[in-house]
Amino acid sequence: MRRQVPVVVLAATVLAGCMATRVGRPAPGQWPVRTTGGGKSVSLVVKIDATLNGSPAEPGHIFQIWPEDTARWRDETVRVYGESGLFSNVQLGLAPADVRATVHIAVADESDQRVAMLGGATFILVPTYNDTIFKMRTEFRGADGPLVEPIDVRTTRRVWVQLFLFPFGVFGQPRGVSRDIVAELNRATLERAAAAGLLAR
């Protein structure tokens, strides 16, 4: 009987899978925002901060099982701004441009140890989940100061873990969902900025 316990634990570990979903997604709008290229250039500064259960953490290391590649988040931001149709040129960094956009991504990882212990005690037969809240604040400035009010958007990534869930993990890999969230939040931000008259100033 004692020999069977390690086998069960090993089987549960191997067969356990995870699938990430999004909670509270921004309402989709028109994309690209403009069908013809904009006449203004934009430079992007992307800042990323992270917390783990309320305490500061190093970005990219708060996802203990699925470490994030935060450099890809910057790449996604540049890609979305380029595809928006709002700008003639998009550059990352403090380059001369008509518009300077500062994108602040604050990521809060919330892990409930009691839920994790329950999942472990049942060999992950009971599904558990971990929430990661993505908050994005973007400030647009021109030569004369702010162009629009700071724009705040947010959504939550929920990662489910359960025995035998691994066949579905390919449809919701946590890192891929994180990149999708960053792109989605940037799109929502640009839609609101355009509606507020970003290019009219």
C-alpha atoms as a PDB file:
ATOM      1  CA  MET A   1       0.000   0.000   0.000  1.00  0.00           C
ATOM      2  CA  ARG A   2       2.846   2.377   0.834  1.00  0.00           C
ATOM      3  CA  ARG A   3       4.340   1.862  -2.608  1.00  0.00           C
ATOM      4  CA  GLN A   4       1.071   2.836  -4.261  1.00  0.00           C
ATOM      5  CA  VAL A   5       0.936   6.299  -2.688  1.00  0.00           C
ATOM      6  CA  PRO A   6       4.015   7.704  -4.498  1.00  0.00           C
ATOM      7  CA  VAL A   7       2.682   6.256  -7.733  1.00  0.00           C
ATOM      8  CA  VAL A   8      -0.647   8.071  -7.259  1.00  0.00           C
ATOM      9  CA  VAL A   9       1.106  11.340  -6.417  1.00  0.00           C
ATOM     10  CA  LEU A  10       3.365  11.030  -9.467  1.00  0.00           C
ATOM     11  CA  ALA A  11       0.423  10.230 -11.729  1.00  0.00           C
ATOM     12  CA  ALA A  12      -1.498  13.236 -10.436  1.00  0.00           C
ATOM     13  CA  THR A  13       1.477  15.507 -11.055  1.00  0.00           C
ATOM     14  CA  VAL A  14       2.032  14.250 -14.585  1.00  0.00           C
ATOM     15  CA  LEU A  15      -1.610  14.237 -15.614  1.00  0.00           C
ATOM     16  CA  ALA A  16      -2.518  17.577 -14.031  1.00  0.00           C
ATOM     17  CA  GLY A  17      -3.103  20.313 -16.562  1.00  0.00           C
ATOM     18  CA  CYS A  18      -3.887  23.984 -16.599  1.00  0.00           C
ATOM     19  CA  MET A  19      -5.970  26.270 -18.752  1.00  0.00           C
ATOM     20  CA  ALA A  20      -6.051  30.065 -18.626  1.00  0.00           C
ATOM     21  CA  THR A  21      -9.153  32.148 -19.290  1.00  0.00           C
ATOM     22  CA  ARG A  22      -9.989  35.847 -19.191  1.00  0.00           C
ATOM     23  CA  VAL A  23     -12.466  37.433 -16.770  1.00  0.00           C
ATOM     24  CA  GLY A  24     -13.932  40.915 -17.238  1.00  0.00           C
ATOM     25  CA  ARG A  25     -12.664  41.537 -20.762  1.00  0.00           C
ATOM     26  CA  PRO A  26     -13.090  45.025 -22.271  1.00  0.00           C
ATOM     27  CA  ALA A  27     -15.937  45.323 -24.752  1.00  0.00           C
ATOM     28  CA  PRO A  28     -14.610  44.887 -28.309  1.00  0.00           C
ATOM     29  CA  GLY A  29     -14.777  47.910 -30.592  1.00  0.00           C
ATOM     30  CA  GLN A  30     -13.808  48.855 -34.119  1.00  0.00           C
ATOM     31  CA  TRP A  31     -10.367  47.623 -35.134  1.00  0.00           C
ATOM     32  CA  PRO A  32      -8.272  49.049 -36.700  1.00  0.00           C
ATOM     33  CA  VAL A  33      -9.425  52.342 -35.239  1.00  0.00           C
ATOM     34  CA  ARG A  34      -8.787  54.104 -38.560  1.00  0.00           C
ATOM     35  CA  THR A  35      -8.736  52.546 -41.988  1.00  0.00           C
ATOM     36  CA  THR A  36      -6.129  55.045 -43.257  1.00  0.00           C
ATOM     37  CA  GLY A  37      -2.795  55.771 -41.631  1.00  0.00           C
ATOM     38  CA  GLY A  38      -2.605  58.602 -39.125  1.00  0.00           C
ATOM     39  CA  GLY A  39      -0.359  61.579 -39.680  1.00  0.00           C
ATOM     40  CA  LYS A  40       1.288  61.676 -36.242  1.00  0.00           C
ATOM     41  CA  SER A  41       4.215  59.676 -34.926  1.00  0.00           C
ATOM     42  CA  VAL A  42       4.269  58.115 -31.455  1.00  0.00           C
ATOM     43  CA  SER A  43       7.009  56.985 -29.080  1.00  0.00           C
ATOM     44  CA  LEU A  44       6.203  54.334 -26.475  1.00  0.00           C
ATOM     45  CA  VAL A  45       7.533  53.867 -22.969  1.00  0.00           C
ATOM     46  CA  VAL A  46       6.275  50.649 -21.376  1.00  0.00           C
ATOM     47  CA  LYS A  47       6.645  50.221 -17.608  1.00  0.00           C
ATOM     48  CA  ILE A  48       5.826  46.956 -15.858  1.00  0.00           C
ATOM     49  CA  ASP A  49       5.305  46.484 -12.116  1.00  0.00           C
ATOM     50  CA  ALA A  50       4.199  43.389 -10.247  1.00  0.00           C
ATOM     51  CA  THR A  51       2.942  42.300  -6.836  1.00  0.00           C
ATOM     52  CA  LEU A  52       2.449  38.880  -5.290  1.00  0.00           C
ATOM     53  CA  ASN A  53      -0.372  38.781  -2.732  1.00  0.00           C
ATOM     54  CA  GLY A  54       0.070  42.517  -2.172  1.00  0.00           C
ATOM     55  CA  SER A  55       3.870  42.540  -1.814  1.00  0.00           C
ATOM     56  CA  PRO A  56       6.181  43.972  -4.505  1.00  0.00           C
ATOM     57  CA  ALA A  57       7.693  41.329  -6.750  1.00  0.00           C
ATOM     58  CA  GLU A  58       9.968  41.291  -9.745  1.00  0.00           C
ATOM     59  CA  PRO A  59       7.987  41.362 -13.015  1.00  0.00           C
ATOM     60  CA  GLY A  60       8.121  38.050 -14.782  1.00  0.00           C
ATOM     61  CA  HIS A  61       8.781  36.044 -11.629  1.00  0.00           C
ATOM     62  CA  ILE A  62       5.436  36.252  -9.863  1.00  0.00           C
ATOM     63  CA  PHE A  63       4.053  33.428 -11.997  1.00  0.00           C
ATOM     64  CA  GLN A  64       5.769  30.703 -10.053  1.00  0.00           C
ATOM     65  CA  ILE A  65       4.955  27.820 -12.380  1.00  0.00           C
ATOM     66  CA  TRP A  66       4.675  29.706 -15.661  1.00  0.00           C
ATOM     67  CA  PRO A  67       7.348  32.458 -15.751  1.00  0.00           C
ATOM     68  CA  GLU A  68       6.405  35.303 -18.056  1.00  0.00           C
ATOM     69  CA  ASP A  69       8.466  36.835 -20.839  1.00  0.00           C
ATOM     70  CA  THR A  70       7.613  40.480 -20.214  1.00  0.00           C
ATOM     71  CA  ALA A  71       9.693  41.591 -23.197  1.00  0.00           C
ATOM     72  CA  ARG A  72       6.954  40.070 -25.356  1.00  0.00           C
ATOM     73  CA  TRP A  73       4.457  42.419 -23.690  1.00  0.00           C
ATOM     74  CA  ARG A  74       6.439  45.383 -25.001  1.00  0.00           C
ATOM     75  CA  ASP A  75       6.536  43.799 -28.441  1.00  0.00           C
ATOM     76  CA  GLU A  76       2.764  43.300 -28.344  1.00  0.00           C
ATOM     77  CA  THR A  77       2.268  46.953 -27.385  1.00  0.00           C
ATOM     78  CA  VAL A  78       4.355  48.168 -30.323  1.00  0.00           C
ATOM     79  CA  ARG A  79       2.544  45.792 -32.674  1.00  0.00           C
ATOM     80  CA  VAL A  80      -0.923  46.954 -31.590  1.00  0.00           C
ATOM     81  CA  TYR A  81      -0.021  50.633 -31.914  1.00  0.00           C
ATOM     82  CA  GLY A  82       1.351  49.967 -35.383  1.00  0.00           C
ATOM     83  CA  GLU A  83      -1.779  48.095 -36.469  1.00  0.00           C
ATOM     84  CA  SER A  84      -4.192  50.688 -35.052  1.00  0.00           C
ATOM     85  CA  GLY A  85      -4.040  52.969 -38.093  1.00  0.00           C
ATOM     86  CA  LEU A  86      -3.741  55.967 -35.774  1.00  0.00           C
ATOM     87  CA  PHE A  87      -0.051  56.711 -36.243  1.00  0.00           C
ATOM     88  CA  SER A  88       2.348  57.182 -39.127  1.00  0.00           C
ATOM     89  CA  ASN A  89       5.296  55.818 -37.152  1.00  0.00           C
ATOM     90  CA  VAL A  90       5.669  53.848 -33.901  1.00  0.00           C
ATOM     91  CA  GLN A  91       8.908  53.666 -31.918  1.00  0.00           C
ATOM     92  CA  LEU A  92       9.771  52.106 -28.573  1.00  0.00           C
ATOM     93  CA  GLY A  93      11.705  54.390 -26.239  1.00  0.00           C
ATOM     94  CA  LEU A  94      12.210  58.122 -25.764  1.00  0.00           C
ATOM     95  CA  ALA A  95      12.490  58.986 -29.441  1.00  0.00           C
ATOM     96  CA  PRO A  96      11.345  62.346 -30.896  1.00  0.00           C
ATOM     97  CA  ALA A  97       7.672  62.030 -31.869  1.00  0.00           C
ATOM     98  CA  ASP A  98       4.439  63.999 -32.079  1.00  0.00           C
ATOM     99  CA  VAL A  99       2.875  61.910 -29.321  1.00  0.00           C
ATOM    100  CA  ARG A 100       4.542  60.257 -26.351  1.00  0.00           C
ATOM    101  CA  ALA A 101       2.604  57.376 -24.793  1.00  0.00           C
ATOM    102  CA  THR A 102       3.578  56.029 -21.387  1.00  0.00           C
ATOM    103  CA  VAL A 103       2.026  52.612 -20.834  1.00  0.00           C
ATOM    104  CA  HIS A 104       2.093  51.349 -17.252  1.00  0.00           C
ATOM    105  CA  ILE A 105       1.197  47.689 -16.781  1.00  0.00           C
ATOM    106  CA  ALA A 106       0.576  46.700 -13.158  1.00  0.00           C
ATOM    107  CA  VAL A 107       0.190  42.968 -12.590  1.00  0.00           C
ATOM    108  CA  ALA A 108      -1.170  41.601  -9.313  1.00  0.00           C
ATOM    109  CA  ASP A 109      -0.869  37.866  -8.734  1.00  0.00           C
ATOM    110  CA  GLU A 110      -3.272  36.557  -6.092  1.00  0.00           C
ATOM    111  CA  SER A 111      -2.667  33.058  -4.799  1.00  0.00           C
ATOM    112  CA  ASP A 112      -4.914  31.496  -2.139  1.00  0.00           C
ATOM    113  CA  GLN A 113      -2.794  28.991  -0.224  1.00  0.00           C
ATOM    114  CA  ARG A 114      -5.889  27.305   1.248  1.00  0.00           C
ATOM    115  CA  VAL A 115      -7.227  26.552  -2.218  1.00  0.00           C
ATOM    116  CA  ALA A 116      -3.813  25.274  -3.295  1.00  0.00           C
ATOM    117  CA  MET A 117      -3.617  22.996  -0.251  1.00  0.00           C
ATOM    118  CA  LEU A 118      -7.094  21.643  -0.968  1.00  0.00           C
ATOM    119  CA  GLY A 119      -6.070  20.814  -4.516  1.00  0.00           C
ATOM    120  CA  GLY A 120      -2.899  19.106  -3.326  1.00  0.00           C
ATOM    121  CA  ALA A 121      -4.742  17.109  -0.662  1.00  0.00           C
ATOM    122  CA  THR A 122      -7.116  15.713  -3.277  1.00  0.00           C
ATOM    123  CA  PHE A 123      -4.324  15.082  -5.815  1.00  0.00           C
ATOM    124  CA  ILE A 124      -5.810  17.953  -7.881  1.00  0.00           C
ATOM    125  CA  LEU A 125      -9.122  16.133  -8.317  1.00  0.00           C
ATOM    126  CA  VAL A 126     -10.749  19.323  -7.001  1.00  0.00           C
ATOM    127  CA  PRO A 127     -10.142  22.122  -9.531  1.00  0.00           C
ATOM    128  CA  THR A 128      -8.213  25.118  -8.211  1.00  0.00           C
ATOM    129  CA  TYR A 129      -7.508  28.465  -9.794  1.00  0.00           C
ATOM    130  CA  ASN A 130      -5.159  31.415  -9.506  1.00  0.00           C
ATOM    131  CA  ASP A 131      -6.106  34.969 -10.487  1.00  0.00           C
ATOM    132  CA  THR A 132      -3.748  37.522 -12.019  1.00  0.00           C
ATOM    133  CA  ILE A 133      -5.122  41.048 -12.399  1.00  0.00           C
ATOM    134  CA  PHE A 134      -3.778  43.120 -15.278  1.00  0.00           C
ATOM    135  CA  LYS A 135      -4.193  46.899 -14.928  1.00  0.00           C
ATOM    136  CA  MET A 136      -3.054  49.253 -17.657  1.00  0.00           C
ATOM    137  CA  ARG A 137      -2.835  53.036 -17.396  1.00  0.00           C
ATOM    138  CA  THR A 138      -1.755  55.012 -20.461  1.00  0.00           C
ATOM    139  CA  GLU A 139      -0.856  58.694 -20.621  1.00  0.00           C
ATOM    140  CA  PHE A 140      -0.638  60.499 -23.954  1.00  0.00           C
ATOM    141  CA  ARG A 141       1.406  63.703 -24.109  1.00  0.00           C
ATOM    142  CA  GLY A 142       2.325  66.124 -26.856  1.00  0.00           C
ATOM    143  CA  ALA A 143       4.701  69.067 -26.967  1.00  0.00           C
ATOM    144  CA  ASP A 144       2.199  71.217 -25.048  1.00  0.00           C
ATOM    145  CA  GLY A 145       1.255  68.684 -22.371  1.00  0.00           C
ATOM    146  CA  PRO A 146      -1.400  65.971 -21.944  1.00  0.00           C
ATOM    147  CA  LEU A 147      -3.511  65.243 -25.014  1.00  0.00           C
ATOM    148  CA  VAL A 148      -6.254  63.303 -23.228  1.00  0.00           C
ATOM    149  CA  GLU A 149      -6.954  62.209 -19.658  1.00  0.00           C
ATOM    150  CA  PRO A 150      -5.070  59.078 -18.511  1.00  0.00           C
ATOM    151  CA  ILE A 151      -6.892  55.968 -19.693  1.00  0.00           C
ATOM    152  CA  ASP A 152      -7.330  52.999 -17.337  1.00  0.00           C
ATOM    153  CA  VAL A 153      -8.333  49.509 -18.442  1.00  0.00           C
ATOM    154  CA  ARG A 154      -8.122  46.153 -16.701  1.00  0.00           C
ATOM    155  CA  THR A 155      -8.920  42.472 -16.948  1.00  0.00           C
ATOM    156  CA  THR A 156      -8.176  39.285 -15.024  1.00  0.00           C
ATOM    157  CA  ARG A 157      -6.419  36.120 -16.120  1.00  0.00           C
ATOM    158  CA  ARG A 158      -7.683  33.027 -14.317  1.00  0.00           C
ATOM    159  CA  VAL A 159      -5.617  29.833 -14.491  1.00  0.00           C
ATOM    160  CA  TRP A 160      -7.462  26.627 -13.680  1.00  0.00           C
ATOM    161  CA  VAL A 161      -5.548  23.558 -12.543  1.00  0.00           C
ATOM    162  CA  GLN A 162      -7.095  20.096 -12.331  1.00  0.00           C
ATOM    163  CA  LEU A 163      -6.297  16.464 -12.908  1.00  0.00           C
ATOM    164  CA  PHE A 164      -6.854  15.388 -16.543  1.00  0.00           C
ATOM    165  CA  LEU A 165      -7.157  19.015 -17.706  1.00  0.00           C
ATOM    166  CA  PHE A 166      -3.881  18.800 -19.633  1.00  0.00           C
ATOM    167  CA  PRO A 167      -5.490  17.951 -23.054  1.00  0.00           C
ATOM    168  CA  PHE A 168      -7.178  21.376 -23.017  1.00  0.00           C
ATOM    169  CA  GLY A 169      -4.117  23.337 -21.950  1.00  0.00           C
ATOM    170  CA  VAL A 170      -3.073  23.910 -25.556  1.00  0.00           C
ATOM    171  CA  PHE A 171      -6.108  26.185 -25.980  1.00  0.00           C
ATOM    172  CA  GLY A 172      -5.284  28.386 -23.004  1.00  0.00           C
ATOM    173  CA  GLN A 173      -1.578  28.478 -22.236  1.00  0.00           C
ATOM    174  CA  PRO A 174      -1.022  31.057 -19.462  1.00  0.00           C
ATOM    175  CA  ARG A 175       1.811  32.919 -21.198  1.00  0.00           C
ATOM    176  CA  GLY A 176      -0.101  33.111 -24.461  1.00  0.00           C
ATOM    177  CA  VAL A 177      -3.213  34.398 -22.690  1.00  0.00           C
ATOM    178  CA  SER A 178      -1.085  37.032 -20.917  1.00  0.00           C
ATOM    179  CA  ARG A 179       0.188  38.325 -24.268  1.00  0.00           C
ATOM    180  CA  ASP A 180      -3.363  38.373 -25.608  1.00  0.00           C
ATOM    181  CA  ILE A 181      -4.503  40.364 -22.580  1.00  0.00           C
ATOM    182  CA  VAL A 182      -1.780  42.982 -23.059  1.00  0.00           C
ATOM    183  CA  ALA A 183      -2.750  43.342 -26.725  1.00  0.00           C
ATOM    184  CA  GLU A 184      -6.454  43.521 -25.861  1.00  0.00           C
ATOM    185  CA  LEU A 185      -5.924  46.217 -23.222  1.00  0.00           C
ATOM    186  CA  ASN A 186      -3.850  48.278 -25.639  1.00  0.00           C
ATOM    187  CA  ARG A 187      -6.595  48.049 -28.266  1.00  0.00           C
ATOM    188  CA  ALA A 188      -9.231  49.166 -25.758  1.00  0.00           C
ATOM    189  CA  THR A 189      -6.985  52.062 -24.722  1.00  0.00           C
ATOM    190  CA  LEU A 190      -6.474  53.280 -28.279  1.00  0.00           C
ATOM    191  CA  GLU A 191     -10.191  53.025 -29.051  1.00  0.00           C
ATOM    192  CA  ARG A 192     -10.966  55.244 -26.061  1.00  0.00           C
ATOM    193  CA  ALA A 193      -8.152  57.657 -26.901  1.00  0.00           C
ATOM    194  CA  ALA A 194      -9.422  58.054 -30.461  1.00  0.00           C
ATOM    195  CA  ALA A 195     -12.970  58.594 -29.207  1.00  0.00           C
ATOM    196  CA  ALA A 196     -11.627  61.308 -26.867  1.00  0.00           C
ATOM    197  CA  GLY A 197     -10.052  63.150 -29.797  1.00  0.00           C
ATOM    198  CA  LEU A 198      -6.421  62.119 -29.428  1.00  0.00           C
ATOM    199  CA  LEU A 199      -5.466  63.032 -32.993  1.00  0.00           C
ATOM    200  CA  ALA A 200      -7.579  66.173 -33.075  1.00  0.00           C
ATOM    201  CA  ARG A 201      -5.217  68.012 -30.732  1.00  0.00           C
END
